[in-house]
Amino acid sequence: MVTSFWATGFNVVFGLFAAYVLSKYNFWGRNALIVTISLPTAIPTAVAGFALLLLWGPYGTLGRLMSADHQIMFTACDMHYTGRISDNAIEGVAQTSTGFHATR
């Protein structure tokens, strides 16, 4: 909850600043900045995850340069938290559907 609060505050402050600067001024790199800001809404999460896998995976462009002991993708910590997040999401959907008296 605390992290969400600070992330929201950070996004509001810097989002308003970026919106003001982009609407008032023309400068070199303006279009690149607009694309960078818009990128998270344009690329689906699965595509971004696949791109990270192609880059950092064991057979990826940068993953090949790392030893097998120092892989970034598929670490035990990553797999543990990914499993917990998906379990929580499934439980949330199940609770929502039972809350609305949904039938199968």
C-alpha atoms as a PDB file:
ATOM      1  CA  MET A   1       0.000   0.000   0.000  1.00  0.00           C
ATOM      2  CA  VAL A   2       2.834   2.384   0.815  1.00  0.00           C
ATOM      3  CA  THR A   3       4.597   1.558  -2.454  1.00  0.00           C
ATOM      4  CA  SER A   4       1.416   2.209  -4.426  1.00  0.00           C
ATOM      5  CA  PHE A   5       0.991   5.560  -2.692  1.00  0.00           C
ATOM      6  CA  TRP A   6       4.516   6.716  -3.530  1.00  0.00           C
ATOM      7  CA  ALA A   7       4.338   5.348  -7.090  1.00  0.00           C
ATOM      8  CA  THR A   8       1.093   7.235  -7.666  1.00  0.00           C
ATOM      9  CA  GLY A   9       2.544  10.452  -6.256  1.00  0.00           C
ATOM     10  CA  PHE A  10       5.663  10.077  -8.393  1.00  0.00           C
ATOM     11  CA  ASN A  11       3.576   9.439 -11.516  1.00  0.00           C
ATOM     12  CA  VAL A  12       1.322  12.439 -10.873  1.00  0.00           C
ATOM     13  CA  VAL A  13       4.191  14.880 -10.303  1.00  0.00           C
ATOM     14  CA  PHE A  14       6.352  13.757 -13.219  1.00  0.00           C
ATOM     15  CA  GLY A  15       3.364  13.088 -15.479  1.00  0.00           C
ATOM     16  CA  LEU A  16       2.084  16.640 -15.037  1.00  0.00           C
ATOM     17  CA  PHE A  17       5.588  18.012 -15.587  1.00  0.00           C
ATOM     18  CA  ALA A  18       6.035  15.953 -18.772  1.00  0.00           C
ATOM     19  CA  ALA A  19       2.589  16.944 -20.043  1.00  0.00           C
ATOM     20  CA  TYR A  20       3.342  20.628 -19.454  1.00  0.00           C
ATOM     21  CA  VAL A  21       6.758  20.490 -21.149  1.00  0.00           C
ATOM     22  CA  LEU A  22       5.477  18.469 -24.115  1.00  0.00           C
ATOM     23  CA  SER A  23       2.524  20.787 -24.679  1.00  0.00           C
ATOM     24  CA  LYS A  24       4.409  24.104 -24.369  1.00  0.00           C
ATOM     25  CA  TYR A  25       7.814  23.504 -25.951  1.00  0.00           C
ATOM     26  CA  ASN A  26       9.227  22.083 -29.175  1.00  0.00           C
ATOM     27  CA  PHE A  27      12.685  20.577 -28.751  1.00  0.00           C
ATOM     28  CA  TRP A  28      14.969  18.001 -30.316  1.00  0.00           C
ATOM     29  CA  GLY A  29      13.938  14.512 -29.193  1.00  0.00           C
ATOM     30  CA  ARG A  30      10.354  15.489 -28.370  1.00  0.00           C
ATOM     31  CA  ASN A  31       8.871  12.711 -30.507  1.00  0.00           C
ATOM     32  CA  ALA A  32      11.234  10.137 -28.974  1.00  0.00           C
ATOM     33  CA  LEU A  33      10.107  11.230 -25.507  1.00  0.00           C
ATOM     34  CA  ILE A  34       6.436  10.927 -26.502  1.00  0.00           C
ATOM     35  CA  VAL A  35       7.043   7.413 -27.845  1.00  0.00           C
ATOM     36  CA  THR A  36       8.912   6.431 -24.676  1.00  0.00           C
ATOM     37  CA  ILE A  37       6.059   7.669 -22.496  1.00  0.00           C
ATOM     38  CA  SER A  38       3.427   5.935 -24.663  1.00  0.00           C
ATOM     39  CA  LEU A  39       5.290   2.634 -25.033  1.00  0.00           C
ATOM     40  CA  PRO A  40       3.885   0.870 -21.923  1.00  0.00           C
ATOM     41  CA  THR A  41       0.327   1.367 -23.174  1.00  0.00           C
ATOM     42  CA  ALA A  42       1.132   0.347 -26.753  1.00  0.00           C
ATOM     43  CA  ILE A  43       2.957  -2.937 -26.067  1.00  0.00           C
ATOM     44  CA  PRO A  44       1.045  -5.768 -24.398  1.00  0.00           C
ATOM     45  CA  THR A  45       2.644  -7.295 -21.308  1.00  0.00           C
ATOM     46  CA  ALA A  46       3.167 -10.647 -23.030  1.00  0.00           C
ATOM     47  CA  VAL A  47       5.151  -9.026 -25.847  1.00  0.00           C
ATOM     48  CA  ALA A  48       7.344  -7.144 -23.390  1.00  0.00           C
ATOM     49  CA  GLY A  49       7.946 -10.351 -21.417  1.00  0.00           C
ATOM     50  CA  PHE A  50       8.857 -12.229 -24.587  1.00  0.00           C
ATOM     51  CA  ALA A  51      11.286  -9.467 -25.567  1.00  0.00           C
ATOM     52  CA  LEU A  52      12.936  -9.654 -22.132  1.00  0.00           C
ATOM     53  CA  LEU A  53      13.184 -13.428 -22.482  1.00  0.00           C
ATOM     54  CA  LEU A  54      14.820 -13.069 -25.900  1.00  0.00           C
ATOM     55  CA  LEU A  55      17.277 -10.578 -24.446  1.00  0.00           C
ATOM     56  CA  TRP A  56      18.111 -12.051 -21.008  1.00  0.00           C
ATOM     57  CA  GLY A  57      17.076 -15.711 -21.303  1.00  0.00           C
ATOM     58  CA  PRO A  58      19.670 -18.510 -21.289  1.00  0.00           C
ATOM     59  CA  TYR A  59      19.769 -18.496 -25.109  1.00  0.00           C
ATOM     60  CA  GLY A  60      19.104 -14.767 -25.487  1.00  0.00           C
ATOM     61  CA  THR A  61      21.380 -12.100 -26.893  1.00  0.00           C
ATOM     62  CA  LEU A  62      22.785 -10.987 -23.535  1.00  0.00           C
ATOM     63  CA  GLY A  63      21.910 -14.149 -21.619  1.00  0.00           C
ATOM     64  CA  ARG A  64      24.499 -16.156 -23.574  1.00  0.00           C
ATOM     65  CA  LEU A  65      27.238 -13.895 -22.248  1.00  0.00           C
ATOM     66  CA  MET A  66      26.390 -14.729 -18.639  1.00  0.00           C
ATOM     67  CA  SER A  67      27.414 -17.915 -16.873  1.00  0.00           C
ATOM     68  CA  ALA A  68      24.767 -20.491 -15.988  1.00  0.00           C
ATOM     69  CA  ASP A  69      25.151 -19.557 -12.311  1.00  0.00           C
ATOM     70  CA  HIS A  70      24.253 -15.915 -12.932  1.00  0.00           C
ATOM     71  CA  GLN A  71      21.121 -16.012 -15.054  1.00  0.00           C
ATOM     72  CA  ILE A  72      18.701 -13.121 -14.539  1.00  0.00           C
ATOM     73  CA  MET A  73      15.581 -14.819 -15.895  1.00  0.00           C
ATOM     74  CA  PHE A  74      14.145 -17.854 -14.123  1.00  0.00           C
ATOM     75  CA  THR A  75      15.776 -17.284 -10.777  1.00  0.00           C
ATOM     76  CA  ALA A  76      14.251 -19.096  -7.820  1.00  0.00           C
ATOM     77  CA  CYS A  77      13.095 -15.799  -6.311  1.00  0.00           C
ATOM     78  CA  ASP A  78      11.479 -14.742  -9.588  1.00  0.00           C
ATOM     79  CA  MET A  79       9.646 -18.027 -10.034  1.00  0.00           C
ATOM     80  CA  HIS A  80       8.455 -17.978  -6.409  1.00  0.00           C
ATOM     81  CA  TYR A  81       6.947 -14.503  -6.641  1.00  0.00           C
ATOM     82  CA  THR A  82       5.507 -15.091 -10.108  1.00  0.00           C
ATOM     83  CA  GLY A  83       3.709 -18.163  -8.787  1.00  0.00           C
ATOM     84  CA  ARG A  84       2.370 -16.262  -5.782  1.00  0.00           C
ATOM     85  CA  ILE A  85       1.134 -13.398  -7.962  1.00  0.00           C
ATOM     86  CA  SER A  86      -0.680 -15.738 -10.350  1.00  0.00           C
ATOM     87  CA  ASP A  87      -2.198 -17.673  -7.424  1.00  0.00           C
ATOM     88  CA  ASN A  88      -3.456 -14.418  -5.888  1.00  0.00           C
ATOM     89  CA  ALA A  89      -4.894 -13.316  -9.227  1.00  0.00           C
ATOM     90  CA  ILE A  90      -6.745 -16.610  -9.639  1.00  0.00           C
ATOM     91  CA  GLU A  91      -8.105 -16.371  -6.083  1.00  0.00           C
ATOM     92  CA  GLY A  92      -9.228 -12.787  -6.721  1.00  0.00           C
ATOM     93  CA  VAL A  93     -11.112 -13.807  -9.861  1.00  0.00           C
ATOM     94  CA  ALA A  94     -12.723 -16.716  -8.034  1.00  0.00           C
ATOM     95  CA  GLN A  95     -13.795 -14.483  -5.146  1.00  0.00           C
ATOM     96  CA  THR A  96     -15.170 -11.878  -7.544  1.00  0.00           C
ATOM     97  CA  SER A  97     -17.181 -14.428  -9.473  1.00  0.00           C
ATOM     98  CA  THR A  98     -18.653 -15.923  -6.278  1.00  0.00           C
ATOM     99  CA  GLY A  99     -19.380 -12.419  -4.987  1.00  0.00           C
ATOM    100  CA  PHE A 100     -21.568 -11.779  -8.029  1.00  0.00           C
ATOM    101  CA  HIS A 101     -23.266 -15.166  -7.656  1.00  0.00           C
ATOM    102  CA  ALA A 102     -21.928 -16.319 -10.988  1.00  0.00           C
ATOM    103  CA  THR A 103     -22.732 -19.812 -12.161  1.00  0.00           C
ATOM    104  CA  ARG A 104     -20.640 -22.066 -14.345  1.00  0.00           C
END
